[in-house]
C-alpha cells in the first residue's frame, strides 16, 4: 500500500470512529457535544473522500512513510483506544 493511500485510509477510519462515538457516546449527554463531534467526523471523512477522488492534487500526499503517515497512524490508534474505553465505561 502506498503511503498516500494509507494516510487516506486513516482519515476515513478516524472520521468513521468519530461518527460512531457521536452516535453512541452522547446518548444521554450533551447534544451540542454530539453535534460538534459528528461535524468533525463528517469533515474528516469528507477529507478522506476528496483524497481518494483526487490523489494527485493533494499537496500533502507522502511519497514515503514519514512523520505524516506515522503521526496519523498513531492518532488513529489513540482515537480507537479512547472511544473503546468510553464505550466500555458507558
C-alpha atoms as a PDB file:
ATOM      1  CA  UNK A   1       0.000   0.000   0.000  1.00  0.00           C
ATOM      2  CA  UNK A   2       1.333   3.407  -0.870  1.00  0.00           C
ATOM      3  CA  UNK A   3       1.808   5.942   1.933  1.00  0.00           C
ATOM      4  CA  UNK A   4      -0.770   8.274   0.379  1.00  0.00           C
ATOM      5  CA  UNK A   5      -3.414   5.522   0.362  1.00  0.00           C
ATOM      6  CA  UNK A   6      -2.514   4.590   3.942  1.00  0.00           C
ATOM      7  CA  UNK A   7      -2.993   8.175   5.142  1.00  0.00           C
ATOM      8  CA  UNK A   8      -6.294   8.402   3.234  1.00  0.00           C
ATOM      9  CA  UNK A   9      -7.478   5.153   4.826  1.00  0.00           C
ATOM     10  CA  UNK A  10      -6.556   6.548   8.250  1.00  0.00           C
ATOM     11  CA  UNK A  11      -8.615   9.678   7.534  1.00  0.00           C
ATOM     12  CA  UNK A  12     -11.638   7.579   6.569  1.00  0.00           C
ATOM     13  CA  UNK A  13     -11.199   5.306   9.587  1.00  0.00           C
ATOM     14  CA  UNK A  14     -10.798   8.182  12.058  1.00  0.00           C
ATOM     15  CA  UNK A  15     -13.821  10.022  10.711  1.00  0.00           C
ATOM     16  CA  UNK A  16     -15.930   6.883  10.936  1.00  0.00           C
ATOM     17  CA  UNK A  17     -14.818   6.280  14.520  1.00  0.00           C
ATOM     18  CA  UNK A  18     -15.778   9.858  15.442  1.00  0.00           C
ATOM     19  CA  UNK A  19     -19.205   9.399  13.859  1.00  0.00           C
ATOM     20  CA  UNK A  20     -19.695   6.186  15.828  1.00  0.00           C
ATOM     21  CA  UNK A  21     -18.615   7.953  19.004  1.00  0.00           C
ATOM     22  CA  UNK A  22     -21.084  10.774  18.335  1.00  0.00           C
ATOM     23  CA  UNK A  23     -23.904   8.262  17.846  1.00  0.00           C
ATOM     24  CA  UNK A  24     -23.074   6.027  20.805  1.00  0.00           C
ATOM     25  CA  UNK A  25     -21.196   8.156  23.290  1.00  0.00           C
ATOM     26  CA  UNK A  26     -23.644  11.010  23.679  1.00  0.00           C
ATOM     27  CA  UNK A  27     -26.939   9.197  24.114  1.00  0.00           C
ATOM     28  CA  UNK A  28     -27.720  10.839  27.447  1.00  0.00           C
ATOM     29  CA  UNK A  29     -25.273  13.717  27.381  1.00  0.00           C
ATOM     30  CA  UNK A  30     -24.823  16.988  25.649  1.00  0.00           C
ATOM     31  CA  UNK A  31     -26.461  17.434  22.259  1.00  0.00           C
ATOM     32  CA  UNK A  32     -24.004  20.203  21.420  1.00  0.00           C
ATOM     33  CA  UNK A  33     -21.068  17.862  22.035  1.00  0.00           C
ATOM     34  CA  UNK A  34     -22.594  15.217  19.792  1.00  0.00           C
ATOM     35  CA  UNK A  35     -23.223  17.743  17.018  1.00  0.00           C
ATOM     36  CA  UNK A  36     -19.666  19.079  17.183  1.00  0.00           C
ATOM     37  CA  UNK A  37     -18.219  15.561  17.225  1.00  0.00           C
ATOM     38  CA  UNK A  38     -20.409  14.467  14.301  1.00  0.00           C
ATOM     39  CA  UNK A  39     -19.419  17.580  12.351  1.00  0.00           C
ATOM     40  CA  UNK A  40     -15.751  16.824  12.943  1.00  0.00           C
ATOM     41  CA  UNK A  41     -16.275  13.220  11.869  1.00  0.00           C
ATOM     42  CA  UNK A  42     -18.042  14.294   8.675  1.00  0.00           C
ATOM     43  CA  UNK A  43     -15.247  16.774   7.889  1.00  0.00           C
ATOM     44  CA  UNK A  44     -12.563  14.117   8.327  1.00  0.00           C
ATOM     45  CA  UNK A  45     -14.496  11.578   6.216  1.00  0.00           C
ATOM     46  CA  UNK A  46     -15.028  14.248   3.525  1.00  0.00           C
ATOM     47  CA  UNK A  47     -11.286  14.937   3.524  1.00  0.00           C
ATOM     48  CA  UNK A  48     -10.617  11.232   3.041  1.00  0.00           C
ATOM     49  CA  UNK A  49     -13.111  11.042   0.187  1.00  0.00           C
ATOM     50  CA  UNK A  50     -11.568  14.084  -1.505  1.00  0.00           C
ATOM     51  CA  UNK A  51      -8.134  12.487  -1.156  1.00  0.00           C
ATOM     52  CA  UNK A  52      -9.496   9.311  -2.796  1.00  0.00           C
ATOM     53  CA  UNK A  53     -11.059  11.199  -5.697  1.00  0.00           C
ATOM     54  CA  UNK A  54      -8.088  13.483  -6.457  1.00  0.00           C
ATOM     55  CA  UNK A  55      -4.912  11.839  -5.175  1.00  0.00           C
ATOM     56  CA  UNK A  56      -2.585  13.812  -7.451  1.00  0.00           C
ATOM     57  CA  UNK A  57      -3.984  17.181  -6.374  1.00  0.00           C
ATOM     58  CA  UNK A  58      -3.340  16.694  -2.664  1.00  0.00           C
ATOM     59  CA  UNK A  59      -0.221  18.627  -1.663  1.00  0.00           C
ATOM     60  CA  UNK A  60       0.488  16.518   1.426  1.00  0.00           C
ATOM     61  CA  UNK A  61       0.458  13.116  -0.271  1.00  0.00           C
ATOM     62  CA  UNK A  62       3.520  11.445   1.181  1.00  0.00           C
ATOM     63  CA  UNK A  63       5.801   9.596  -1.227  1.00  0.00           C
ATOM     64  CA  UNK A  64       7.438   7.651   1.605  1.00  0.00           C
ATOM     65  CA  UNK A  65       6.356   6.656   5.074  1.00  0.00           C
ATOM     66  CA  UNK A  66       7.375   9.639   7.138  1.00  0.00           C
ATOM     67  CA  UNK A  67       6.120  11.773  10.008  1.00  0.00           C
ATOM     68  CA  UNK A  68       2.697  12.388   8.433  1.00  0.00           C
ATOM     69  CA  UNK A  69       1.949   8.695   7.913  1.00  0.00           C
ATOM     70  CA  UNK A  70       3.275   7.631  11.309  1.00  0.00           C
ATOM     71  CA  UNK A  71       1.529  10.533  13.050  1.00  0.00           C
ATOM     72  CA  UNK A  72      -1.881   9.822  11.532  1.00  0.00           C
ATOM     73  CA  UNK A  73      -1.488   6.122  12.352  1.00  0.00           C
ATOM     74  CA  UNK A  74      -0.671   6.942  15.986  1.00  0.00           C
ATOM     75  CA  UNK A  75      -3.589   9.361  16.234  1.00  0.00           C
ATOM     76  CA  UNK A  76      -5.969   6.773  14.731  1.00  0.00           C
ATOM     77  CA  UNK A  77      -4.792   4.197  17.258  1.00  0.00           C
ATOM     78  CA  UNK A  78      -5.204   6.620  20.187  1.00  0.00           C
ATOM     79  CA  UNK A  79      -8.671   7.579  18.949  1.00  0.00           C
ATOM     80  CA  UNK A  80      -9.646   3.907  18.806  1.00  0.00           C
ATOM     81  CA  UNK A  81      -8.450   3.346  22.371  1.00  0.00           C
ATOM     82  CA  UNK A  82     -10.274   6.420  23.696  1.00  0.00           C
ATOM     83  CA  UNK A  83     -13.561   5.525  22.003  1.00  0.00           C
ATOM     84  CA  UNK A  84     -13.289   1.901  23.136  1.00  0.00           C
ATOM     85  CA  UNK A  85     -12.745   2.968  26.730  1.00  0.00           C
ATOM     86  CA  UNK A  86     -15.660   5.382  26.522  1.00  0.00           C
ATOM     87  CA  UNK A  87     -17.940   2.640  25.184  1.00  0.00           C
ATOM     88  CA  UNK A  88     -16.820   0.205  27.903  1.00  0.00           C
ATOM     89  CA  UNK A  89     -17.436   2.787  30.645  1.00  0.00           C
ATOM     90  CA  UNK A  90     -20.938   3.573  29.391  1.00  0.00           C
END
